[in-house]
């Protein structure tokens, strides 16, 4: 267990950040799943921007790697084009 005040604070803040990152990552994954299930092209095009924005935010905060974000966005664009 940590002995310093700053180490105790770091433990608390790390836990808070971990939970926030987990929530944001899970929310984005659920949005991607809903997006992949769409069959209507207009609806998919409307949703594409918001899901890409979520992915960009995750990459910006290093919750996911930037290359993974690019791959996810590319696959979503392919999905829309295939509809």
Protein backbone atom coordinates (compact mmCIF):
# COMPACT_ATOMS: atom_id res chain seq x y z
CA UNK A 1 0.00 0.00 0.00
CA UNK A 2 1.17 3.52 -0.75
CA UNK A 3 2.70 5.56 2.04
CA UNK A 4 2.77 9.05 0.55
CA UNK A 5 -0.14 11.42 0.21
CA UNK A 6 0.57 11.96 -3.48
CA UNK A 7 0.70 8.20 -4.12
CA UNK A 8 -2.66 7.74 -2.43
CA UNK A 9 -4.10 10.55 -4.55
CA UNK A 10 -2.60 8.96 -7.68
CA UNK A 11 -4.32 5.65 -6.84
CA UNK A 12 -7.67 7.43 -6.47
CA UNK A 13 -7.30 9.41 -9.67
CA UNK A 14 -6.13 6.37 -11.64
CA UNK A 15 -9.23 4.47 -10.60
CA UNK A 16 -11.47 7.37 -11.63
CA UNK A 17 -9.75 7.62 -15.01
CA UNK A 18 -9.88 3.85 -15.52
CA UNK A 19 -13.64 3.81 -14.97
CA UNK A 20 -14.18 6.78 -17.27
CA UNK A 21 -12.05 5.20 -20.03
CA UNK A 22 -13.87 1.90 -19.63
CA UNK A 23 -17.26 3.61 -19.92
CA UNK A 24 -16.25 5.57 -23.02
CA UNK A 25 -14.71 2.50 -24.69
CA UNK A 26 -17.76 0.35 -24.00
CA UNK A 27 -20.13 3.07 -25.23
CA UNK A 28 -18.18 3.39 -28.47
CA UNK A 29 -18.14 -0.39 -28.97
CA UNK A 30 -21.91 -0.55 -28.49
CA UNK A 31 -22.38 2.28 -30.99
CA UNK A 32 -20.19 0.43 -33.51
CA UNK A 33 -22.23 -2.73 -33.07
CA UNK A 34 -25.49 -0.83 -33.62
CA UNK A 35 -23.93 0.82 -36.67
CA UNK A 36 -22.88 -2.52 -38.21
CA UNK A 37 -26.42 -3.86 -37.78
CA UNK A 38 -27.95 -1.00 -39.80
CA UNK A 39 -29.43 -1.89 -43.18
CA UNK A 40 -30.65 1.56 -44.28
CA UNK A 41 -27.98 3.57 -46.10
CA UNK A 42 -29.33 7.02 -45.17
CA UNK A 43 -29.52 6.11 -41.49
CA UNK A 44 -26.00 4.63 -41.63
CA UNK A 45 -24.60 7.78 -43.25
CA UNK A 46 -26.24 9.89 -40.56
CA UNK A 47 -24.80 7.75 -37.76
CA UNK A 48 -21.32 7.44 -39.34
CA UNK A 49 -20.19 10.90 -38.25
CA UNK A 50 -21.08 10.46 -34.61
CA UNK A 51 -19.46 7.02 -34.35
CA UNK A 52 -16.29 8.23 -36.09
CA UNK A 53 -16.19 11.13 -33.65
CA UNK A 54 -16.36 8.71 -30.71
CA UNK A 55 -13.52 6.67 -32.18
CA UNK A 56 -11.40 9.80 -32.75
CA UNK A 57 -11.87 10.85 -29.15
CA UNK A 58 -10.78 7.41 -27.91
CA UNK A 59 -7.66 7.58 -30.09
CA UNK A 60 -6.90 11.14 -28.98
CA UNK A 61 -6.97 10.08 -25.34
CA UNK A 62 -4.88 6.94 -26.08
CA UNK A 63 -7.69 4.63 -25.00
CA UNK A 64 -7.24 2.89 -28.35
CA UNK A 65 -4.28 3.08 -30.74
CA UNK A 66 -4.54 5.57 -33.59
CA UNK A 67 -4.02 2.83 -36.20
CA UNK A 68 -6.87 0.81 -34.70
CA UNK A 69 -9.07 3.90 -34.90
CA UNK A 70 -8.16 4.32 -38.58
CA UNK A 71 -8.97 0.66 -39.28
CA UNK A 72 -12.33 0.90 -37.53
CA UNK A 73 -13.27 4.06 -39.43
CA UNK A 74 -12.21 2.49 -42.72
CA UNK A 75 -14.31 -0.61 -42.09
CA UNK A 76 -17.33 1.55 -41.25
CA UNK A 77 -16.90 3.56 -44.45
CA UNK A 78 -16.78 0.28 -46.40
CA UNK A 79 -19.95 -0.85 -44.67
CA UNK A 80 -21.78 2.31 -45.73
CA UNK A 81 -20.50 2.01 -49.30
CA UNK A 82 -21.68 -1.61 -49.49
CA UNK A 83 -25.25 -0.74 -48.47
